[in-house]
Amino acid sequence: MKQIIITLLLSLLAISQLFAQKEYESATLHFFRTDRFYGKWVKVNVITNDSIVGKLKNAQRLIYEVSTRDSITVSGLYKLMNKETDESITFQPEPGKDYYFEIFFYGDMYKPTAVIWTGTTAIQMSDPVEYGVKIVGLDPIVGREKFNDESLFKKKNETIVIK
């Protein structure tokens, strides 16, 4: 009988430890795009471990909770041109920590290089334009400050929370 009680107590202790650990088995990823004129029309898909977790518009924020059991790879995708970030960021998240990522859309401005005359009409030619998405991991203090600075975001755009 004593052995059954000890086994039962040890089992309860193990279960309580399991539930206590679950609170800290996740980390929080914060993605944001500050309000910029250039690329304002672009929606960027936020990707973690090859899965799209949400879309970020200009001046919008996204919060995503991840498990700390596996390493995480984050990147962005400009779907219209099927252009993914030049470099993805891979890391092992620590339980209970916050990570901040700023996403930028970039592109060359229109660059006219030649004008072709066809009698009555001028056709303007240009070099190919390069567009892309860049994701930058920020220091937690700097990231938290930028993420919470309301002047960098549109007030009408709410923060998207995905759990």
C-alpha atoms as a PDB file:
ATOM      1  CA  MET A   1       0.000   0.000   0.000  1.00  0.00           C
ATOM      2  CA  LYS A   2       2.834   2.371   0.867  1.00  0.00           C
ATOM      3  CA  GLN A   3       4.408   1.680  -2.524  1.00  0.00           C
ATOM      4  CA  ILE A   4       1.175   2.599  -4.358  1.00  0.00           C
ATOM      5  CA  ILE A   5       0.899   5.903  -2.474  1.00  0.00           C
ATOM      6  CA  ILE A   6       4.527   6.788  -3.248  1.00  0.00           C
ATOM      7  CA  THR A   7       4.008   5.910  -6.930  1.00  0.00           C
ATOM      8  CA  LEU A   8       0.845   8.013  -7.023  1.00  0.00           C
ATOM      9  CA  LEU A   9       2.598  11.003  -5.404  1.00  0.00           C
ATOM     10  CA  LEU A  10       5.547  10.745  -7.798  1.00  0.00           C
ATOM     11  CA  SER A  11       3.147  10.568 -10.735  1.00  0.00           C
ATOM     12  CA  LEU A  12       1.301  13.683  -9.541  1.00  0.00           C
ATOM     13  CA  LEU A  13       4.614  15.482  -9.067  1.00  0.00           C
ATOM     14  CA  ALA A  14       5.712  14.552 -12.605  1.00  0.00           C
ATOM     15  CA  ILE A  15       2.391  15.735 -14.070  1.00  0.00           C
ATOM     16  CA  SER A  16       2.574  19.055 -12.195  1.00  0.00           C
ATOM     17  CA  GLN A  17       6.142  19.576 -13.474  1.00  0.00           C
ATOM     18  CA  LEU A  18       4.957  18.883 -17.010  1.00  0.00           C
ATOM     19  CA  PHE A  19       2.215  21.532 -16.732  1.00  0.00           C
ATOM     20  CA  ALA A  20       4.626  24.023 -15.135  1.00  0.00           C
ATOM     21  CA  GLN A  21       7.057  23.555 -18.037  1.00  0.00           C
ATOM     22  CA  LYS A  22       4.347  24.072 -20.694  1.00  0.00           C
ATOM     23  CA  GLU A  23       3.982  27.705 -19.621  1.00  0.00           C
ATOM     24  CA  TYR A  24       7.588  28.332 -20.638  1.00  0.00           C
ATOM     25  CA  GLU A  25       7.874  26.050 -23.666  1.00  0.00           C
ATOM     26  CA  SER A  26       7.040  28.863 -26.040  1.00  0.00           C
ATOM     27  CA  ALA A  27       8.679  32.038 -27.267  1.00  0.00           C
ATOM     28  CA  THR A  28       7.008  35.038 -28.872  1.00  0.00           C
ATOM     29  CA  LEU A  29       8.001  36.384 -32.280  1.00  0.00           C
ATOM     30  CA  HIS A  30       7.133  40.009 -33.083  1.00  0.00           C
ATOM     31  CA  PHE A  31       7.135  41.003 -36.770  1.00  0.00           C
ATOM     32  CA  PHE A  32       6.523  44.562 -37.968  1.00  0.00           C
ATOM     33  CA  ARG A  33       6.664  46.952 -40.899  1.00  0.00           C
ATOM     34  CA  THR A  34       6.904  50.630 -40.070  1.00  0.00           C
ATOM     35  CA  ASP A  35       4.931  53.216 -42.041  1.00  0.00           C
ATOM     36  CA  ARG A  36       6.850  53.956 -45.257  1.00  0.00           C
ATOM     37  CA  PHE A  37       5.774  55.564 -48.491  1.00  0.00           C
ATOM     38  CA  TYR A  38       7.841  53.281 -50.716  1.00  0.00           C
ATOM     39  CA  GLY A  39       6.269  49.843 -50.965  1.00  0.00           C
ATOM     40  CA  LYS A  40       3.121  50.994 -49.186  1.00  0.00           C
ATOM     41  CA  TRP A  41       0.964  48.823 -51.458  1.00  0.00           C
ATOM     42  CA  VAL A  42       2.941  45.624 -50.781  1.00  0.00           C
ATOM     43  CA  LYS A  43       1.666  42.844 -48.525  1.00  0.00           C
ATOM     44  CA  VAL A  44       4.422  40.572 -47.225  1.00  0.00           C
ATOM     45  CA  ASN A  45       3.704  36.998 -46.154  1.00  0.00           C
ATOM     46  CA  VAL A  46       5.488  36.150 -42.897  1.00  0.00           C
ATOM     47  CA  ILE A  47       6.935  32.623 -43.001  1.00  0.00           C
ATOM     48  CA  THR A  48       8.150  30.451 -40.138  1.00  0.00           C
ATOM     49  CA  ASN A  49       9.513  26.988 -40.877  1.00  0.00           C
ATOM     50  CA  ASP A  50       8.117  27.049 -44.446  1.00  0.00           C
ATOM     51  CA  SER A  51       4.549  27.887 -43.311  1.00  0.00           C
ATOM     52  CA  ILE A  52       2.863  31.223 -43.930  1.00  0.00           C
ATOM     53  CA  VAL A  53       1.639  32.517 -40.569  1.00  0.00           C
ATOM     54  CA  GLY A  54       0.184  35.838 -41.697  1.00  0.00           C
ATOM     55  CA  LYS A  55       0.335  38.829 -44.041  1.00  0.00           C
ATOM     56  CA  LEU A  56       1.818  42.164 -43.067  1.00  0.00           C
ATOM     57  CA  LYS A  57       0.656  45.352 -44.715  1.00  0.00           C
ATOM     58  CA  ASN A  58       2.527  48.627 -44.501  1.00  0.00           C
ATOM     59  CA  ALA A  59       2.597  49.956 -40.889  1.00  0.00           C
ATOM     60  CA  GLN A  60       1.303  46.749 -39.356  1.00  0.00           C
ATOM     61  CA  ARG A  61       2.460  44.372 -36.608  1.00  0.00           C
ATOM     62  CA  LEU A  62       2.111  40.631 -36.080  1.00  0.00           C
ATOM     63  CA  ILE A  63       2.725  38.572 -32.926  1.00  0.00           C
ATOM     64  CA  TYR A  64       3.263  34.827 -33.255  1.00  0.00           C
ATOM     65  CA  GLU A  65       3.924  32.273 -30.540  1.00  0.00           C
ATOM     66  CA  VAL A  66       6.246  29.349 -31.334  1.00  0.00           C
ATOM     67  CA  SER A  67       7.422  26.211 -29.588  1.00  0.00           C
ATOM     68  CA  THR A  68      10.954  26.250 -28.227  1.00  0.00           C
ATOM     69  CA  ARG A  69      11.494  22.568 -28.926  1.00  0.00           C
ATOM     70  CA  ASP A  70      12.668  23.079 -32.515  1.00  0.00           C
ATOM     71  CA  SER A  71      14.822  25.636 -34.265  1.00  0.00           C
ATOM     72  CA  ILE A  72      12.883  28.326 -36.095  1.00  0.00           C
ATOM     73  CA  THR A  73      13.532  29.769 -39.546  1.00  0.00           C
ATOM     74  CA  VAL A  74      11.845  33.079 -40.337  1.00  0.00           C
ATOM     75  CA  SER A  75      11.583  34.851 -43.666  1.00  0.00           C
ATOM     76  CA  GLY A  76       9.181  36.940 -45.744  1.00  0.00           C
ATOM     77  CA  LEU A  77       7.614  36.542 -49.176  1.00  0.00           C
ATOM     78  CA  TYR A  78       6.335  39.181 -51.593  1.00  0.00           C
ATOM     79  CA  LYS A  79       3.730  36.931 -53.192  1.00  0.00           C
ATOM     80  CA  LEU A  80       2.875  39.076 -56.229  1.00  0.00           C
ATOM     81  CA  MET A  81       6.380  38.628 -57.627  1.00  0.00           C
ATOM     82  CA  ASN A  82       7.037  35.353 -55.748  1.00  0.00           C
ATOM     83  CA  LYS A  83      10.137  36.973 -54.245  1.00  0.00           C
ATOM     84  CA  GLU A  84      11.328  35.623 -50.893  1.00  0.00           C
ATOM     85  CA  THR A  85      13.723  37.371 -48.524  1.00  0.00           C
ATOM     86  CA  ASP A  86      17.323  37.235 -49.636  1.00  0.00           C
ATOM     87  CA  GLU A  87      18.353  35.689 -46.332  1.00  0.00           C
ATOM     88  CA  SER A  88      16.263  33.829 -43.807  1.00  0.00           C
ATOM     89  CA  ILE A  89      17.061  33.847 -40.095  1.00  0.00           C
ATOM     90  CA  THR A  90      17.405  30.526 -38.266  1.00  0.00           C
ATOM     91  CA  PHE A  91      17.717  30.333 -34.492  1.00  0.00           C
ATOM     92  CA  GLN A  92      16.827  28.226 -31.453  1.00  0.00           C
ATOM     93  CA  PRO A  93      14.258  30.179 -29.419  1.00  0.00           C
ATOM     94  CA  GLU A  94      14.579  30.203 -25.653  1.00  0.00           C
ATOM     95  CA  PRO A  95      11.487  29.633 -23.473  1.00  0.00           C
ATOM     96  CA  GLY A  96       9.657  32.785 -22.409  1.00  0.00           C
ATOM     97  CA  LYS A  97      11.762  35.137 -24.566  1.00  0.00           C
ATOM     98  CA  ASP A  98      10.573  37.728 -27.095  1.00  0.00           C
ATOM     99  CA  TYR A  99      12.172  38.099 -30.535  1.00  0.00           C
ATOM    100  CA  TYR A 100      11.701  41.114 -32.827  1.00  0.00           C
ATOM    101  CA  PHE A 101      11.948  41.196 -36.628  1.00  0.00           C
ATOM    102  CA  GLU A 102      11.544  44.220 -38.880  1.00  0.00           C
ATOM    103  CA  ILE A 103      10.484  43.524 -42.451  1.00  0.00           C
ATOM    104  CA  PHE A 104      11.360  45.884 -45.302  1.00  0.00           C
ATOM    105  CA  PHE A 105      10.203  46.007 -48.893  1.00  0.00           C
ATOM    106  CA  TYR A 106      12.850  47.440 -51.209  1.00  0.00           C
ATOM    107  CA  GLY A 107      13.171  48.119 -54.910  1.00  0.00           C
ATOM    108  CA  ASP A 108      14.972  50.138 -57.527  1.00  0.00           C
ATOM    109  CA  MET A 109      13.304  53.260 -58.741  1.00  0.00           C
ATOM    110  CA  TYR A 110      12.340  53.464 -62.420  1.00  0.00           C
ATOM    111  CA  LYS A 111      15.553  53.966 -64.413  1.00  0.00           C
ATOM    112  CA  PRO A 112      15.036  55.181 -67.977  1.00  0.00           C
ATOM    113  CA  THR A 113      17.997  54.282 -70.174  1.00  0.00           C
ATOM    114  CA  ALA A 114      16.841  54.905 -73.725  1.00  0.00           C
ATOM    115  CA  VAL A 115      14.124  56.463 -75.817  1.00  0.00           C
ATOM    116  CA  ILE A 116      13.216  54.753 -79.092  1.00  0.00           C
ATOM    117  CA  TRP A 117      11.539  56.878 -81.750  1.00  0.00           C
ATOM    118  CA  THR A 118       9.073  55.087 -84.009  1.00  0.00           C
ATOM    119  CA  GLY A 119       8.139  57.961 -86.278  1.00  0.00           C
ATOM    120  CA  THR A 120       5.362  59.597 -84.274  1.00  0.00           C
ATOM    121  CA  THR A 121       5.641  57.861 -80.887  1.00  0.00           C
ATOM    122  CA  ALA A 122       8.435  57.674 -78.366  1.00  0.00           C
ATOM    123  CA  ILE A 123       8.745  54.410 -76.458  1.00  0.00           C
ATOM    124  CA  GLN A 124      10.720  54.695 -73.276  1.00  0.00           C
ATOM    125  CA  MET A 125      12.788  51.665 -72.261  1.00  0.00           C
ATOM    126  CA  SER A 126      14.197  50.944 -68.820  1.00  0.00           C
ATOM    127  CA  ASP A 127      16.527  48.555 -67.080  1.00  0.00           C
ATOM    128  CA  PRO A 128      14.935  45.653 -65.223  1.00  0.00           C
ATOM    129  CA  VAL A 129      13.712  46.742 -61.806  1.00  0.00           C
ATOM    130  CA  GLU A 130      14.756  44.687 -58.795  1.00  0.00           C
ATOM    131  CA  TYR A 131      12.295  44.236 -55.922  1.00  0.00           C
ATOM    132  CA  GLY A 132      12.592  42.224 -52.780  1.00  0.00           C
ATOM    133  CA  VAL A 133      11.860  41.694 -49.114  1.00  0.00           C
ATOM    134  CA  LYS A 134      14.375  41.918 -46.287  1.00  0.00           C
ATOM    135  CA  ILE A 135      13.936  40.699 -42.714  1.00  0.00           C
ATOM    136  CA  VAL A 136      16.153  41.983 -39.912  1.00  0.00           C
ATOM    137  CA  GLY A 137      16.439  40.507 -36.422  1.00  0.00           C
ATOM    138  CA  LEU A 138      16.636  43.264 -33.810  1.00  0.00           C
ATOM    139  CA  ASP A 139      18.136  43.471 -30.355  1.00  0.00           C
ATOM    140  CA  PRO A 140      15.276  42.841 -27.844  1.00  0.00           C
ATOM    141  CA  ILE A 141      15.489  46.326 -26.305  1.00  0.00           C
ATOM    142  CA  VAL A 142      15.589  48.166 -29.652  1.00  0.00           C
ATOM    143  CA  GLY A 143      12.955  45.834 -31.111  1.00  0.00           C
ATOM    144  CA  ARG A 144      10.545  46.342 -28.193  1.00  0.00           C
ATOM    145  CA  GLU A 145      10.936  50.143 -28.443  1.00  0.00           C
ATOM    146  CA  LYS A 146      10.250  50.192 -32.198  1.00  0.00           C
ATOM    147  CA  PHE A 147       7.416  47.658 -31.931  1.00  0.00           C
ATOM    148  CA  ASN A 148       5.659  49.749 -29.258  1.00  0.00           C
ATOM    149  CA  ASP A 149       6.292  53.183 -30.848  1.00  0.00           C
ATOM    150  CA  GLU A 150       2.812  54.129 -32.088  1.00  0.00           C
ATOM    151  CA  SER A 151       4.211  56.945 -34.261  1.00  0.00           C
ATOM    152  CA  LEU A 152       5.743  54.327 -36.597  1.00  0.00           C
ATOM    153  CA  PHE A 153       2.410  52.611 -37.264  1.00  0.00           C
ATOM    154  CA  LYS A 154      -1.068  53.506 -38.455  1.00  0.00           C
ATOM    155  CA  LYS A 155      -3.431  53.526 -35.520  1.00  0.00           C
ATOM    156  CA  LYS A 156      -6.233  51.998 -37.598  1.00  0.00           C
ATOM    157  CA  ASN A 157      -4.146  48.898 -38.325  1.00  0.00           C
ATOM    158  CA  GLU A 158      -4.405  46.565 -35.373  1.00  0.00           C
ATOM    159  CA  THR A 159      -1.703  44.203 -34.266  1.00  0.00           C
ATOM    160  CA  ILE A 160      -2.398  40.673 -35.519  1.00  0.00           C
ATOM    161  CA  VAL A 161      -1.985  38.059 -32.760  1.00  0.00           C
ATOM    162  CA  ILE A 162      -1.611  34.407 -33.779  1.00  0.00           C
ATOM    163  CA  LYS A 163      -1.314  31.743 -31.089  1.00  0.00           C
END
